[in-house]
N, C-alpha and C. Protein backbone atom coordinates (compact mmCIF):
# COMPACT_ATOMS: atom_id res chain seq x y z
N MET A 1 111.97 77.46 24.84
CA MET A 1 112.69 76.22 24.72
C MET A 1 111.70 75.05 24.60
N SER A 2 111.76 74.30 23.55
CA SER A 2 110.88 73.18 23.43
C SER A 2 111.41 71.95 24.20
N MET A 3 112.69 71.72 24.11
CA MET A 3 113.28 70.60 24.86
C MET A 3 114.46 71.19 25.64
N PRO A 4 114.68 70.62 26.82
CA PRO A 4 115.88 71.06 27.55
C PRO A 4 117.17 70.70 26.81
N TYR A 5 118.09 71.60 26.81
CA TYR A 5 119.37 71.36 26.16
C TYR A 5 120.31 70.64 27.08
N THR A 6 121.20 69.82 26.50
CA THR A 6 122.25 69.19 27.29
C THR A 6 123.27 70.25 27.61
N LYS A 7 124.13 69.96 28.55
CA LYS A 7 125.16 70.97 28.92
C LYS A 7 126.12 71.22 27.74
N TYR A 8 126.26 70.24 26.87
CA TYR A 8 127.14 70.39 25.71
C TYR A 8 126.50 71.29 24.65
N GLU A 9 125.18 71.09 24.43
CA GLU A 9 124.47 71.94 23.52
C GLU A 9 124.43 73.39 23.97
N LYS A 10 124.19 73.57 25.29
CA LYS A 10 124.20 74.91 25.87
C LYS A 10 125.54 75.61 25.71
N ALA A 11 126.59 74.85 25.95
CA ALA A 11 127.94 75.45 25.83
C ALA A 11 128.25 75.77 24.37
N ARG A 12 127.83 74.97 23.45
CA ARG A 12 128.07 75.23 22.02
C ARG A 12 127.29 76.42 21.53
N ILE A 13 126.02 76.54 21.93
CA ILE A 13 125.20 77.67 21.54
C ILE A 13 125.78 78.98 22.11
N ILE A 14 126.11 78.99 23.38
CA ILE A 14 126.66 80.20 24.01
C ILE A 14 127.99 80.57 23.40
N SER A 15 128.84 79.60 23.12
CA SER A 15 130.19 79.89 22.56
C SER A 15 130.04 80.40 21.12
N ALA A 16 129.14 79.83 20.36
CA ALA A 16 128.92 80.28 18.97
C ALA A 16 128.42 81.71 18.96
N ARG A 17 127.49 82.03 19.84
CA ARG A 17 126.95 83.39 19.91
C ARG A 17 127.95 84.37 20.45
N ALA A 18 128.78 83.96 21.42
CA ALA A 18 129.80 84.82 21.93
C ALA A 18 130.82 85.17 20.86
N LEU A 19 131.16 84.20 20.02
CA LEU A 19 132.05 84.46 18.89
C LEU A 19 131.46 85.48 17.93
N GLN A 20 130.15 85.33 17.60
CA GLN A 20 129.51 86.29 16.73
C GLN A 20 129.57 87.67 17.33
N ILE A 21 129.28 87.79 18.59
CA ILE A 21 129.30 89.10 19.27
C ILE A 21 130.72 89.70 19.26
N SER A 22 131.70 88.87 19.53
CA SER A 22 133.10 89.37 19.56
C SER A 22 133.57 89.81 18.16
N MET A 23 132.94 89.26 17.12
CA MET A 23 133.30 89.64 15.75
C MET A 23 132.47 90.85 15.25
N GLY A 24 131.62 91.43 16.13
CA GLY A 24 130.94 92.63 15.76
C GLY A 24 129.44 92.53 15.58
N ALA A 25 128.84 91.36 15.80
CA ALA A 25 127.40 91.22 15.66
C ALA A 25 126.73 92.02 16.79
N PRO A 26 125.62 92.69 16.48
CA PRO A 26 124.94 93.46 17.53
C PRO A 26 124.25 92.55 18.56
N PRO A 27 124.25 92.94 19.83
CA PRO A 27 123.56 92.13 20.84
C PRO A 27 122.04 92.15 20.55
N LEU A 28 121.37 91.05 20.92
CA LEU A 28 119.97 90.92 20.70
C LEU A 28 119.11 91.37 21.89
N ILE A 29 119.81 91.83 22.97
CA ILE A 29 119.11 92.32 24.14
C ILE A 29 119.68 93.70 24.52
N LYS A 30 118.99 94.43 25.25
CA LYS A 30 119.49 95.72 25.77
C LYS A 30 120.52 95.48 26.85
N ILE A 31 121.70 96.01 26.64
CA ILE A 31 122.75 95.86 27.65
C ILE A 31 123.29 97.19 28.04
N LYS A 32 123.79 97.28 29.25
CA LYS A 32 124.36 98.52 29.73
C LYS A 32 125.59 98.20 30.52
N ASP A 33 126.73 98.72 30.11
CA ASP A 33 128.00 98.53 30.80
C ASP A 33 128.46 97.07 30.84
N ILE A 34 128.08 96.25 29.90
CA ILE A 34 128.58 94.85 29.79
C ILE A 34 129.33 94.75 28.46
N TYR A 35 130.60 94.35 28.56
CA TYR A 35 131.41 94.29 27.35
C TYR A 35 131.92 92.90 27.06
N ASP A 36 131.76 91.96 27.98
CA ASP A 36 132.24 90.59 27.80
C ASP A 36 131.25 89.85 26.91
N PRO A 37 131.69 89.35 25.75
CA PRO A 37 130.78 88.66 24.85
C PRO A 37 130.18 87.39 25.46
N ILE A 38 130.92 86.72 26.31
CA ILE A 38 130.39 85.48 26.94
C ILE A 38 129.25 85.80 27.88
N VAL A 39 129.38 86.86 28.66
CA VAL A 39 128.33 87.26 29.59
C VAL A 39 127.08 87.72 28.79
N ILE A 40 127.29 88.42 27.68
CA ILE A 40 126.16 88.86 26.85
C ILE A 40 125.46 87.64 26.25
N ALA A 41 126.25 86.66 25.75
CA ALA A 41 125.67 85.45 25.17
C ALA A 41 124.90 84.66 26.21
N LYS A 42 125.41 84.57 27.42
CA LYS A 42 124.68 83.85 28.49
C LYS A 42 123.34 84.52 28.79
N LEU A 43 123.33 85.84 28.84
CA LEU A 43 122.12 86.60 29.10
C LEU A 43 121.11 86.35 27.96
N GLU A 44 121.57 86.37 26.73
CA GLU A 44 120.71 86.14 25.58
C GLU A 44 120.15 84.71 25.64
N PHE A 45 120.97 83.74 26.03
CA PHE A 45 120.50 82.38 26.15
C PHE A 45 119.43 82.21 27.22
N GLU A 46 119.65 82.89 28.35
CA GLU A 46 118.64 82.84 29.42
C GLU A 46 117.30 83.46 28.99
N LYS A 47 117.35 84.50 28.17
CA LYS A 47 116.16 85.17 27.71
C LYS A 47 115.57 84.50 26.43
N GLU A 48 116.24 83.43 25.97
CA GLU A 48 115.79 82.63 24.83
C GLU A 48 115.61 83.49 23.57
N VAL A 49 116.57 84.32 23.25
CA VAL A 49 116.51 85.18 22.05
C VAL A 49 117.56 84.81 21.01
N ILE A 50 118.37 83.78 21.27
CA ILE A 50 119.41 83.41 20.32
C ILE A 50 118.79 82.59 19.18
N PRO A 51 118.95 83.03 17.95
CA PRO A 51 118.33 82.34 16.82
C PRO A 51 119.17 81.20 16.32
N ILE A 52 119.51 80.24 17.19
CA ILE A 52 120.31 79.06 16.78
C ILE A 52 119.49 77.83 17.17
N ASP A 53 119.35 76.91 16.22
CA ASP A 53 118.59 75.66 16.43
C ASP A 53 119.55 74.49 16.61
N VAL A 54 119.12 73.54 17.41
CA VAL A 54 119.85 72.30 17.62
C VAL A 54 119.13 71.18 16.92
N VAL A 55 119.81 70.54 15.99
CA VAL A 55 119.23 69.41 15.23
C VAL A 55 119.77 68.13 15.85
N ARG A 56 118.88 67.25 16.29
CA ARG A 56 119.30 66.01 16.89
C ARG A 56 119.04 64.86 15.98
């Protein structure tokens, strides 16, 4: 992370990624016994592997 994200940017990134996962996109991290797309997206965000940029 180059700059800290606002809570709104974080919510938008996680929600966009969760939608992608729920539509069938493969997870970018190894997961085991986790099926909730929001939880998976939060884990991906924490590990900084989501390929989404914020333009300010």
